[in-house]
Amino acid sequence: MILSSAAKARIKPHPLWQILLFPLIYFGSMMAAAILAGIFIGLFGGGVDAVLEVFSEESGLLGSLFMTIFPILGAILYIKVLEGRSMASMGFIKSGWWRHYLKGFGVGLAMCSVALLLALAMGGLGISEATKPNMTLWLLTLAGFMVQGMSEEVMLRGYLTVSLANRMPVWLSVAITSLLFAFMHGGNAGLTPLSLVNLVLFGIFAAVFMLRYDNIWGIGALHSAWNFCQGNIFGVAVSGSSAGDTLFSFSVLEGAPRWISGGEFGLEGSIVTTVVFGGMTLWMLLKDKNKAERSFAS
């Protein structure tokens, strides 16, 4: 449904233009969010000091997470107004959307848990201490990751992967957006060659998941759950970043090889994540081989 709906687009820009437009839409939306937040807080929240407080290290995580709603809006505006595509072509189905969301969230939690258990079993991580989070902030962070995870999936999968697929084979559009996803994390702390491999692999997995289940809700929820589970349930780094309050705390064991522990980058820098993402991708492709072949041969 996603690809067939997208094929009805009024305008199908050249792939080069699509790739050039993508950062303008993404970073333009984030800049607009920062400007609007600054204006609003400056006018109604206590002036310059309040603005600086929101973007400080302590408060910045929540602000950055919730501001990612703007790229969602920017992508929808572009798709609707310029390309003339439907919401269904981005994967925003109406029927049973909440079931897909809950299923995706559950799969994301399960995948993260398996990765952590593998890292523990292989001697890469150990329990450091139990923590008692501020539950208000913890739940707000969950809500923030629900926005952030969906934002990246809407931009990279619902928008760019599908738009590129209108002018090239699906497998090629998946490859391009997966490489772009990895590039977007290229400045994160602790990045290693294995981290880059896993980021590309997640991009492939996410595209297969979206096309396999023909909606954006499931993979958006899975992405959110994966990030939240790492940072705020298990207390490990999320793509090289700390995620604040956490239920448990796992840390890298002294002397553990980085390819097992993930090092400063977190689980996404570990071979266990390669196994989890790779295994899930293969399972989906082989589960309904005929459907997968039809989708990726388009």
C-alpha atoms as a PDB file:
ATOM      1  CA  MET A   1       0.000   0.000   0.000  1.00  0.00           C
ATOM      2  CA  ILE A   2       2.789   2.446   0.836  1.00  0.00           C
ATOM      3  CA  LEU A   3       4.624   2.069  -2.476  1.00  0.00           C
ATOM      4  CA  SER A   4       1.477   1.868  -4.602  1.00  0.00           C
ATOM      5  CA  SER A   5       0.068   4.994  -2.918  1.00  0.00           C
ATOM      6  CA  ALA A   6       3.358   6.829  -3.401  1.00  0.00           C
ATOM      7  CA  ALA A   7       3.330   5.960  -7.112  1.00  0.00           C
ATOM      8  CA  LYS A   8       0.300   8.259  -7.475  1.00  0.00           C
ATOM      9  CA  ALA A   9       2.323  11.330  -6.428  1.00  0.00           C
ATOM     10  CA  ARG A  10       1.658  14.463  -8.449  1.00  0.00           C
ATOM     11  CA  ILE A  11       5.379  15.272  -8.656  1.00  0.00           C
ATOM     12  CA  LYS A  12       8.283  12.814  -8.474  1.00  0.00           C
ATOM     13  CA  PRO A  13      11.474  14.862  -8.070  1.00  0.00           C
ATOM     14  CA  HIS A  14      14.803  13.595  -9.362  1.00  0.00           C
ATOM     15  CA  PRO A  15      16.692  11.586  -6.702  1.00  0.00           C
ATOM     16  CA  LEU A  16      19.508  14.145  -6.606  1.00  0.00           C
ATOM     17  CA  TRP A  17      17.029  16.880  -5.713  1.00  0.00           C
ATOM     18  CA  GLN A  18      15.486  14.629  -3.077  1.00  0.00           C
ATOM     19  CA  ILE A  19      18.852  14.062  -1.409  1.00  0.00           C
ATOM     20  CA  LEU A  20      19.625  17.799  -1.500  1.00  0.00           C
ATOM     21  CA  LEU A  21      16.195  18.724  -0.134  1.00  0.00           C
ATOM     22  CA  PHE A  22      16.316  16.296   2.759  1.00  0.00           C
ATOM     23  CA  PRO A  23      18.808  18.202   4.973  1.00  0.00           C
ATOM     24  CA  LEU A  24      17.045  21.478   4.183  1.00  0.00           C
ATOM     25  CA  ILE A  25      13.733  20.083   5.414  1.00  0.00           C
ATOM     26  CA  TYR A  26      15.248  18.361   8.450  1.00  0.00           C
ATOM     27  CA  PHE A  27      17.595  21.059   9.703  1.00  0.00           C
ATOM     28  CA  GLY A  28      15.261  23.849   8.589  1.00  0.00           C
ATOM     29  CA  SER A  29      12.490  22.311  10.695  1.00  0.00           C
ATOM     30  CA  MET A  30      14.781  21.957  13.724  1.00  0.00           C
ATOM     31  CA  MET A  31      15.991  25.542  13.338  1.00  0.00           C
ATOM     32  CA  ALA A  32      12.411  26.763  13.143  1.00  0.00           C
ATOM     33  CA  ALA A  33      11.632  24.784  16.313  1.00  0.00           C
ATOM     34  CA  ALA A  34      14.558  26.351  18.175  1.00  0.00           C
ATOM     35  CA  ILE A  35      13.595  29.864  17.056  1.00  0.00           C
ATOM     36  CA  LEU A  36       9.939  29.419  18.014  1.00  0.00           C
ATOM     37  CA  ALA A  37      10.889  27.908  21.378  1.00  0.00           C
ATOM     38  CA  GLY A  38      13.247  30.788  22.045  1.00  0.00           C
ATOM     39  CA  ILE A  39      10.628  33.393  21.138  1.00  0.00           C
ATOM     40  CA  PHE A  40       7.905  31.731  23.214  1.00  0.00           C
ATOM     41  CA  ILE A  41      10.064  31.244  26.302  1.00  0.00           C
ATOM     42  CA  GLY A  42      11.588  34.674  25.962  1.00  0.00           C
ATOM     43  CA  LEU A  43       8.148  36.294  25.878  1.00  0.00           C
ATOM     44  CA  PHE A  44       6.298  34.183  28.429  1.00  0.00           C
ATOM     45  CA  GLY A  45       8.849  32.236  30.455  1.00  0.00           C
ATOM     46  CA  GLY A  46      11.258  34.675  31.999  1.00  0.00           C
ATOM     47  CA  GLY A  47      13.427  36.090  29.255  1.00  0.00           C
ATOM     48  CA  VAL A  48      16.914  35.136  28.124  1.00  0.00           C
ATOM     49  CA  ASP A  49      17.821  33.205  31.293  1.00  0.00           C
ATOM     50  CA  ALA A  50      14.841  30.892  30.827  1.00  0.00           C
ATOM     51  CA  VAL A  51      15.787  30.241  27.206  1.00  0.00           C
ATOM     52  CA  LEU A  52      19.346  29.325  28.210  1.00  0.00           C
ATOM     53  CA  GLU A  53      18.037  27.026  30.954  1.00  0.00           C
ATOM     54  CA  VAL A  54      15.909  25.029  28.491  1.00  0.00           C
ATOM     55  CA  PHE A  55      18.912  24.444  26.244  1.00  0.00           C
ATOM     56  CA  SER A  56      21.318  23.738  29.100  1.00  0.00           C
ATOM     57  CA  GLU A  57      22.957  20.321  29.513  1.00  0.00           C
ATOM     58  CA  GLU A  58      20.507  19.334  32.260  1.00  0.00           C
ATOM     59  CA  SER A  59      17.309  20.276  30.460  1.00  0.00           C
ATOM     60  CA  GLY A  60      18.495  20.015  26.874  1.00  0.00           C
ATOM     61  CA  LEU A  61      17.615  16.341  26.368  1.00  0.00           C
ATOM     62  CA  LEU A  62      13.872  16.800  26.805  1.00  0.00           C
ATOM     63  CA  GLY A  63      13.885  19.947  24.710  1.00  0.00           C
ATOM     64  CA  SER A  64      15.792  18.278  21.859  1.00  0.00           C
ATOM     65  CA  LEU A  65      13.546  15.210  21.951  1.00  0.00           C
ATOM     66  CA  PHE A  66      10.264  17.092  21.807  1.00  0.00           C
ATOM     67  CA  MET A  67      11.510  19.518  19.153  1.00  0.00           C
ATOM     68  CA  THR A  68      11.812  16.607  16.723  1.00  0.00           C
ATOM     69  CA  ILE A  69       8.078  16.910  16.138  1.00  0.00           C
ATOM     70  CA  PHE A  70       8.947  19.748  13.761  1.00  0.00           C
ATOM     71  CA  PRO A  71      10.729  17.516  11.198  1.00  0.00           C
ATOM     72  CA  ILE A  72       7.606  15.319  11.228  1.00  0.00           C
ATOM     73  CA  LEU A  73       5.497  18.348  10.397  1.00  0.00           C
ATOM     74  CA  GLY A  74       8.048  19.549   7.839  1.00  0.00           C
ATOM     75  CA  ALA A  75       8.085  16.180   6.050  1.00  0.00           C
ATOM     76  CA  ILE A  76       4.286  15.975   5.985  1.00  0.00           C
ATOM     77  CA  LEU A  77       4.038  19.534   4.642  1.00  0.00           C
ATOM     78  CA  TYR A  78       6.557  18.800   1.900  1.00  0.00           C
ATOM     79  CA  ILE A  79       4.934  15.494   0.912  1.00  0.00           C
ATOM     80  CA  LYS A  80       1.401  16.879   0.862  1.00  0.00           C
ATOM     81  CA  VAL A  81       2.055  20.248  -0.763  1.00  0.00           C
ATOM     82  CA  LEU A  82       4.971  19.654  -3.145  1.00  0.00           C
ATOM     83  CA  GLU A  83       4.870  15.974  -4.093  1.00  0.00           C
ATOM     84  CA  GLY A  84       1.122  15.599  -3.696  1.00  0.00           C
ATOM     85  CA  ARG A  85       1.398  12.286  -1.870  1.00  0.00           C
ATOM     86  CA  SER A  86      -1.165  10.924   0.569  1.00  0.00           C
ATOM     87  CA  MET A  87      -0.569  10.265   4.274  1.00  0.00           C
ATOM     88  CA  ALA A  88      -1.005   6.559   3.478  1.00  0.00           C
ATOM     89  CA  SER A  89       2.031   6.763   1.193  1.00  0.00           C
ATOM     90  CA  MET A  90       4.080   7.705   4.282  1.00  0.00           C
ATOM     91  CA  GLY A  91       2.704   4.733   6.194  1.00  0.00           C
ATOM     92  CA  PHE A  92       0.163   6.636   8.292  1.00  0.00           C
ATOM     93  CA  ILE A  93      -2.617   4.077   8.107  1.00  0.00           C
ATOM     94  CA  LYS A  94      -5.779   4.648  10.185  1.00  0.00           C
ATOM     95  CA  SER A  95      -7.076   1.126  10.683  1.00  0.00           C
ATOM     96  CA  GLY A  96      -5.461  -0.648  13.624  1.00  0.00           C
ATOM     97  CA  TRP A  97      -2.640   1.892  13.923  1.00  0.00           C
ATOM     98  CA  TRP A  98      -2.492   1.489  17.695  1.00  0.00           C
ATOM     99  CA  ARG A  99      -2.044  -2.298  17.422  1.00  0.00           C
ATOM    100  CA  HIS A 100       0.896  -1.783  15.083  1.00  0.00           C
ATOM    101  CA  TYR A 101       2.339   0.817  17.468  1.00  0.00           C
ATOM    102  CA  LEU A 102       2.081  -1.426  20.528  1.00  0.00           C
ATOM    103  CA  LYS A 103       3.501  -4.394  18.626  1.00  0.00           C
ATOM    104  CA  GLY A 104       6.433  -2.339  17.388  1.00  0.00           C
ATOM    105  CA  PHE A 105       7.124  -0.971  20.858  1.00  0.00           C
ATOM    106  CA  GLY A 106       7.109  -4.467  22.323  1.00  0.00           C
ATOM    107  CA  VAL A 107       9.450  -5.778  19.625  1.00  0.00           C
ATOM    108  CA  GLY A 108      11.822  -2.864  20.272  1.00  0.00           C
ATOM    109  CA  LEU A 109      11.945  -3.614  23.997  1.00  0.00           C
ATOM    110  CA  ALA A 110      12.523  -7.310  23.297  1.00  0.00           C
ATOM    111  CA  MET A 111      15.339  -6.636  20.820  1.00  0.00           C
ATOM    112  CA  CYS A 112      17.094  -4.276  23.231  1.00  0.00           C
ATOM    113  CA  SER A 113      16.758  -6.776  26.072  1.00  0.00           C
ATOM    114  CA  VAL A 114      18.222  -9.595  23.964  1.00  0.00           C
ATOM    115  CA  ALA A 115      21.154  -7.385  22.950  1.00  0.00           C
ATOM    116  CA  LEU A 116      21.846  -6.469  26.569  1.00  0.00           C
ATOM    117  CA  LEU A 117      21.662 -10.088  27.744  1.00  0.00           C
ATOM    118  CA  LEU A 118      24.089 -11.130  25.012  1.00  0.00           C
ATOM    119  CA  ALA A 119      26.514  -8.362  26.033  1.00  0.00           C
ATOM    120  CA  LEU A 120      26.259  -9.523  29.661  1.00  0.00           C
ATOM    121  CA  ALA A 121      26.784 -13.166  28.743  1.00  0.00           C
ATOM    122  CA  MET A 122      29.836 -12.295  26.643  1.00  0.00           C
ATOM    123  CA  GLY A 123      31.409 -10.274  29.444  1.00  0.00           C
ATOM    124  CA  GLY A 124      31.069  -6.847  27.874  1.00  0.00           C
ATOM    125  CA  LEU A 125      28.772  -5.253  30.449  1.00  0.00           C
ATOM    126  CA  GLY A 126      28.076  -5.575  34.153  1.00  0.00           C
ATOM    127  CA  ILE A 127      25.533  -4.175  36.626  1.00  0.00           C
ATOM    128  CA  SER A 128      26.938  -1.086  38.303  1.00  0.00           C
ATOM    129  CA  GLU A 129      24.155   0.010  40.646  1.00  0.00           C
ATOM    130  CA  ALA A 130      20.396   0.223  41.027  1.00  0.00           C
ATOM    131  CA  THR A 131      18.943   3.709  40.712  1.00  0.00           C
ATOM    132  CA  LYS A 132      15.716   5.437  41.666  1.00  0.00           C
ATOM    133  CA  PRO A 133      14.749   7.790  38.860  1.00  0.00           C
ATOM    134  CA  ASN A 134      12.573  10.864  39.065  1.00  0.00           C
ATOM    135  CA  MET A 135       9.450   9.226  37.619  1.00  0.00           C
ATOM    136  CA  THR A 136       8.057  12.472  36.225  1.00  0.00           C
ATOM    137  CA  LEU A 137      11.219  13.101  34.220  1.00  0.00           C
ATOM    138  CA  TRP A 138      11.426   9.412  33.323  1.00  0.00           C
ATOM    139  CA  LEU A 139       7.922   9.411  31.847  1.00  0.00           C
ATOM    140  CA  LEU A 140       8.539  12.722  30.081  1.00  0.00           C
ATOM    141  CA  THR A 141      11.660  11.211  28.540  1.00  0.00           C
ATOM    142  CA  LEU A 142       9.585   8.252  27.352  1.00  0.00           C
ATOM    143  CA  ALA A 143       7.153  10.660  25.700  1.00  0.00           C
ATOM    144  CA  GLY A 144      10.075  12.546  24.184  1.00  0.00           C
ATOM    145  CA  PHE A 145      11.578   9.382  22.705  1.00  0.00           C
ATOM    146  CA  MET A 146       8.161   8.476  21.291  1.00  0.00           C
ATOM    147  CA  VAL A 147       8.333  11.709  19.301  1.00  0.00           C
ATOM    148  CA  GLN A 148      12.033  11.404  18.411  1.00  0.00           C
ATOM    149  CA  GLY A 149      11.877   7.793  17.199  1.00  0.00           C
ATOM    150  CA  MET A 150       8.846   8.496  15.033  1.00  0.00           C
ATOM    151  CA  SER A 151      10.513  11.638  13.675  1.00  0.00           C
ATOM    152  CA  GLU A 152      13.545   9.788  12.295  1.00  0.00           C
ATOM    153  CA  GLU A 153      11.352   7.094  10.774  1.00  0.00           C
ATOM    154  CA  VAL A 154       9.002   9.587   9.134  1.00  0.00           C
ATOM    155  CA  MET A 155      11.912  11.553   7.677  1.00  0.00           C
ATOM    156  CA  LEU A 156      14.108   8.676   6.532  1.00  0.00           C
ATOM    157  CA  ARG A 157      11.632   5.927   5.757  1.00  0.00           C
ATOM    158  CA  GLY A 158       8.122   7.369   5.280  1.00  0.00           C
ATOM    159  CA  TYR A 159       9.438  10.362   3.350  1.00  0.00           C
ATOM    160  CA  LEU A 160      12.844   9.845   1.743  1.00  0.00           C
ATOM    161  CA  THR A 161      13.005   6.066   1.176  1.00  0.00           C
ATOM    162  CA  VAL A 162       9.548   6.034  -0.401  1.00  0.00           C
ATOM    163  CA  SER A 163      10.103   9.186  -2.472  1.00  0.00           C
ATOM    164  CA  LEU A 164      13.376   7.841  -3.861  1.00  0.00           C
ATOM    165  CA  ALA A 165      11.659   4.531  -4.636  1.00  0.00           C
ATOM    166  CA  ASN A 166       9.423   6.411  -7.070  1.00  0.00           C
ATOM    167  CA  ARG A 167      12.478   6.989  -9.285  1.00  0.00           C
ATOM    168  CA  MET A 168      14.747   4.003  -8.557  1.00  0.00           C
ATOM    169  CA  PRO A 169      14.636   0.379  -7.353  1.00  0.00           C
ATOM    170  CA  VAL A 170      13.505   0.029  -3.755  1.00  0.00           C
ATOM    171  CA  TRP A 171      16.689  -1.764  -2.694  1.00  0.00           C
ATOM    172  CA  LEU A 172      18.755   1.204  -3.907  1.00  0.00           C
ATOM    173  CA  SER A 173      16.600   3.756  -2.077  1.00  0.00           C
ATOM    174  CA  VAL A 174      16.942   1.653   1.103  1.00  0.00           C
ATOM    175  CA  ALA A 175      20.719   1.526   0.677  1.00  0.00           C
ATOM    176  CA  ILE A 176      20.980   5.300   0.202  1.00  0.00           C
ATOM    177  CA  THR A 177      18.819   6.205   3.196  1.00  0.00           C
ATOM    178  CA  SER A 178      20.552   3.643   5.398  1.00  0.00           C
ATOM    179  CA  LEU A 179      23.925   5.199   4.603  1.00  0.00           C
ATOM    180  CA  LEU A 180      22.420   8.641   5.245  1.00  0.00           C
ATOM    181  CA  PHE A 181      21.105   7.463   8.620  1.00  0.00           C
ATOM    182  CA  ALA A 182      24.609   6.378   9.594  1.00  0.00           C
ATOM    183  CA  PHE A 183      26.075   9.659   8.329  1.00  0.00           C
ATOM    184  CA  MET A 184      23.637  11.631  10.506  1.00  0.00           C
ATOM    185  CA  HIS A 185      25.221   9.974  13.573  1.00  0.00           C
ATOM    186  CA  GLY A 186      28.768  10.470  12.322  1.00  0.00           C
ATOM    187  CA  GLY A 187      29.658  13.100  14.923  1.00  0.00           C
ATOM    188  CA  ASN A 188      28.488  11.123  17.956  1.00  0.00           C
ATOM    189  CA  ALA A 189      30.896  10.259  20.767  1.00  0.00           C
ATOM    190  CA  GLY A 190      32.605   6.872  20.664  1.00  0.00           C
ATOM    191  CA  LEU A 191      31.836   6.145  17.006  1.00  0.00           C
ATOM    192  CA  THR A 192      33.676   3.115  15.600  1.00  0.00           C
ATOM    193  CA  PRO A 193      33.598   1.228  12.278  1.00  0.00           C
ATOM    194  CA  LEU A 194      31.359  -1.396  13.905  1.00  0.00           C
ATOM    195  CA  SER A 195      29.008   1.361  15.106  1.00  0.00           C
ATOM    196  CA  LEU A 196      28.694   2.605  11.523  1.00  0.00           C
ATOM    197  CA  VAL A 197      27.971  -0.924  10.296  1.00  0.00           C
ATOM    198  CA  ASN A 198      25.228  -1.291  12.905  1.00  0.00           C
ATOM    199  CA  LEU A 199      23.706   2.088  12.026  1.00  0.00           C
ATOM    200  CA  VAL A 200      23.539   1.115   8.361  1.00  0.00           C
ATOM    201  CA  LEU A 201      22.129  -2.265   9.347  1.00  0.00           C
ATOM    202  CA  PHE A 202      19.431  -0.594  11.441  1.00  0.00           C
ATOM    203  CA  GLY A 203      18.467   1.554   8.460  1.00  0.00           C
ATOM    204  CA  ILE A 204      18.042  -1.571   6.335  1.00  0.00           C
ATOM    205  CA  PHE A 205      16.133  -3.342   9.103  1.00  0.00           C
ATOM    206  CA  ALA A 206      13.823  -0.334   9.600  1.00  0.00           C
ATOM    207  CA  ALA A 207      12.989  -0.104   5.894  1.00  0.00           C
ATOM    208  CA  VAL A 208      12.288  -3.841   5.693  1.00  0.00           C
ATOM    209  CA  PHE A 209      10.086  -3.603   8.803  1.00  0.00           C
ATOM    210  CA  MET A 210       8.096  -0.685   7.354  1.00  0.00           C
ATOM    211  CA  LEU A 211       7.578  -2.396   4.003  1.00  0.00           C
ATOM    212  CA  ARG A 212       6.921  -5.807   5.557  1.00  0.00           C
ATOM    213  CA  TYR A 213       4.077  -4.463   7.720  1.00  0.00           C
ATOM    214  CA  ASP A 214       3.089  -1.642   5.332  1.00  0.00           C
ATOM    215  CA  ASN A 215       2.878   1.180   7.893  1.00  0.00           C
ATOM    216  CA  ILE A 216       5.077   3.670   9.744  1.00  0.00           C
ATOM    217  CA  TRP A 217       3.550   3.180  13.205  1.00  0.00           C
ATOM    218  CA  GLY A 218       5.314  -0.079  14.007  1.00  0.00           C
ATOM    219  CA  ILE A 219       8.859   0.948  13.114  1.00  0.00           C
ATOM    220  CA  GLY A 220       8.388   4.396  14.677  1.00  0.00           C
ATOM    221  CA  ALA A 221       7.408   2.737  17.959  1.00  0.00           C
ATOM    222  CA  LEU A 222      10.208   0.174  17.701  1.00  0.00           C
ATOM    223  CA  HIS A 223      12.810   2.911  17.172  1.00  0.00           C
ATOM    224  CA  SER A 224      11.473   4.806  20.198  1.00  0.00           C
ATOM    225  CA  ALA A 225      11.452   1.698  22.385  1.00  0.00           C
ATOM    226  CA  TRP A 226      14.992   0.739  21.360  1.00  0.00           C
ATOM    227  CA  ASN A 227      16.366   4.168  22.323  1.00  0.00           C
ATOM    228  CA  PHE A 228      14.364   4.477  25.545  1.00  0.00           C
ATOM    229  CA  CYS A 229      15.197   0.939  26.652  1.00  0.00           C
ATOM    230  CA  GLN A 230      18.927   1.505  26.194  1.00  0.00           C
ATOM    231  CA  GLY A 231      19.141   4.843  27.940  1.00  0.00           C
ATOM    232  CA  ASN A 232      16.335   4.902  30.483  1.00  0.00           C
ATOM    233  CA  ILE A 233      15.759   1.272  31.432  1.00  0.00           C
ATOM    234  CA  PHE A 234      19.266  -0.182  31.209  1.00  0.00           C
ATOM    235  CA  GLY A 235      21.270   3.026  31.563  1.00  0.00           C
ATOM    236  CA  VAL A 236      23.674   2.539  28.665  1.00  0.00           C
ATOM    237  CA  ALA A 237      24.647   5.162  26.098  1.00  0.00           C
ATOM    238  CA  VAL A 238      22.284   5.770  23.177  1.00  0.00           C
ATOM    239  CA  SER A 239      24.414   6.277  20.061  1.00  0.00           C
ATOM    240  CA  GLY A 240      27.090   7.863  22.219  1.00  0.00           C
ATOM    241  CA  SER A 241      24.740  10.037  24.297  1.00  0.00           C
ATOM    242  CA  SER A 242      23.488   9.780  27.884  1.00  0.00           C
ATOM    243  CA  ALA A 243      19.707   9.626  28.204  1.00  0.00           C
ATOM    244  CA  GLY A 244      19.209  10.825  31.794  1.00  0.00           C
ATOM    245  CA  ASP A 245      17.173   9.075  34.496  1.00  0.00           C
ATOM    246  CA  THR A 246      17.251   5.274  34.309  1.00  0.00           C
ATOM    247  CA  LEU A 247      15.736   2.306  36.154  1.00  0.00           C
ATOM    248  CA  PHE A 248      18.919   0.213  36.103  1.00  0.00           C
ATOM    249  CA  SER A 249      22.555   0.961  35.420  1.00  0.00           C
ATOM    250  CA  PHE A 250      24.833  -1.233  33.340  1.00  0.00           C
ATOM    251  CA  SER A 251      28.402  -0.217  32.573  1.00  0.00           C
ATOM    252  CA  VAL A 252      31.313  -1.411  30.474  1.00  0.00           C
ATOM    253  CA  LEU A 253      33.454  -3.942  32.334  1.00  0.00           C
ATOM    254  CA  GLU A 254      37.096  -3.000  32.717  1.00  0.00           C
ATOM    255  CA  GLY A 255      39.190  -4.676  30.042  1.00  0.00           C
ATOM    256  CA  ALA A 256      36.178  -5.794  27.990  1.00  0.00           C
ATOM    257  CA  PRO A 257      36.768  -5.588  24.221  1.00  0.00           C
ATOM    258  CA  ARG A 258      34.950  -2.630  22.689  1.00  0.00           C
ATOM    259  CA  TRP A 259      33.501  -4.824  19.939  1.00  0.00           C
ATOM    260  CA  ILE A 260      31.580  -6.673  22.677  1.00  0.00           C
ATOM    261  CA  SER A 261      30.781  -3.840  25.117  1.00  0.00           C
ATOM    262  CA  GLY A 262      30.146  -1.137  22.536  1.00  0.00           C
ATOM    263  CA  GLY A 263      32.361   1.236  24.503  1.00  0.00           C
ATOM    264  CA  GLU A 264      31.338   4.867  24.763  1.00  0.00           C
ATOM    265  CA  PHE A 265      28.867   4.510  21.888  1.00  0.00           C
ATOM    266  CA  GLY A 266      26.715   2.000  23.802  1.00  0.00           C
ATOM    267  CA  LEU A 267      25.107  -1.229  22.636  1.00  0.00           C
ATOM    268  CA  GLU A 268      24.944   0.043  19.061  1.00  0.00           C
ATOM    269  CA  GLY A 269      28.729  -0.238  18.941  1.00  0.00           C
ATOM    270  CA  SER A 270      28.676  -3.934  19.882  1.00  0.00           C
ATOM    271  CA  ILE A 271      28.667  -7.112  17.811  1.00  0.00           C
ATOM    272  CA  VAL A 272      25.552  -8.191  19.749  1.00  0.00           C
ATOM    273  CA  THR A 273      23.585  -5.472  17.973  1.00  0.00           C
ATOM    274  CA  THR A 274      24.912  -6.690  14.627  1.00  0.00           C
ATOM    275  CA  VAL A 275      23.528 -10.131  15.481  1.00  0.00           C
ATOM    276  CA  VAL A 276      20.144  -8.761  16.622  1.00  0.00           C
ATOM    277  CA  PHE A 277      19.586  -6.391  13.673  1.00  0.00           C
ATOM    278  CA  GLY A 278      20.962  -8.834  11.127  1.00  0.00           C
ATOM    279  CA  GLY A 279      18.974 -11.743  12.501  1.00  0.00           C
ATOM    280  CA  MET A 280      15.707  -9.807  12.574  1.00  0.00           C
ATOM    281  CA  THR A 281      16.217  -8.497   9.041  1.00  0.00           C
ATOM    282  CA  LEU A 282      16.872 -11.986   7.668  1.00  0.00           C
ATOM    283  CA  TRP A 283      13.901 -13.387   9.571  1.00  0.00           C
ATOM    284  CA  MET A 284      11.536 -10.810   8.067  1.00  0.00           C
ATOM    285  CA  LEU A 285      12.878 -11.341   4.554  1.00  0.00           C
ATOM    286  CA  LEU A 286      12.604 -15.117   4.798  1.00  0.00           C
ATOM    287  CA  LYS A 287       9.284 -15.200   6.685  1.00  0.00           C
ATOM    288  CA  ASP A 288       7.356 -14.110   3.605  1.00  0.00           C
ATOM    289  CA  LYS A 289       9.916 -14.434   0.838  1.00  0.00           C
ATOM    290  CA  ASN A 290       7.473 -13.802  -1.996  1.00  0.00           C
ATOM    291  CA  LYS A 291       6.226 -10.557  -0.447  1.00  0.00           C
ATOM    292  CA  ALA A 292       9.771  -9.386   0.243  1.00  0.00           C
ATOM    293  CA  GLU A 293      10.836 -10.104  -3.321  1.00  0.00           C
ATOM    294  CA  ARG A 294       7.865  -8.156  -4.706  1.00  0.00           C
ATOM    295  CA  SER A 295       8.567  -5.163  -2.482  1.00  0.00           C
ATOM    296  CA  PHE A 296      12.284  -4.902  -3.169  1.00  0.00           C
ATOM    297  CA  ALA A 297      11.982  -5.589  -6.884  1.00  0.00           C
ATOM    298  CA  SER A 298       9.667  -2.606  -7.392  1.00  0.00           C
END
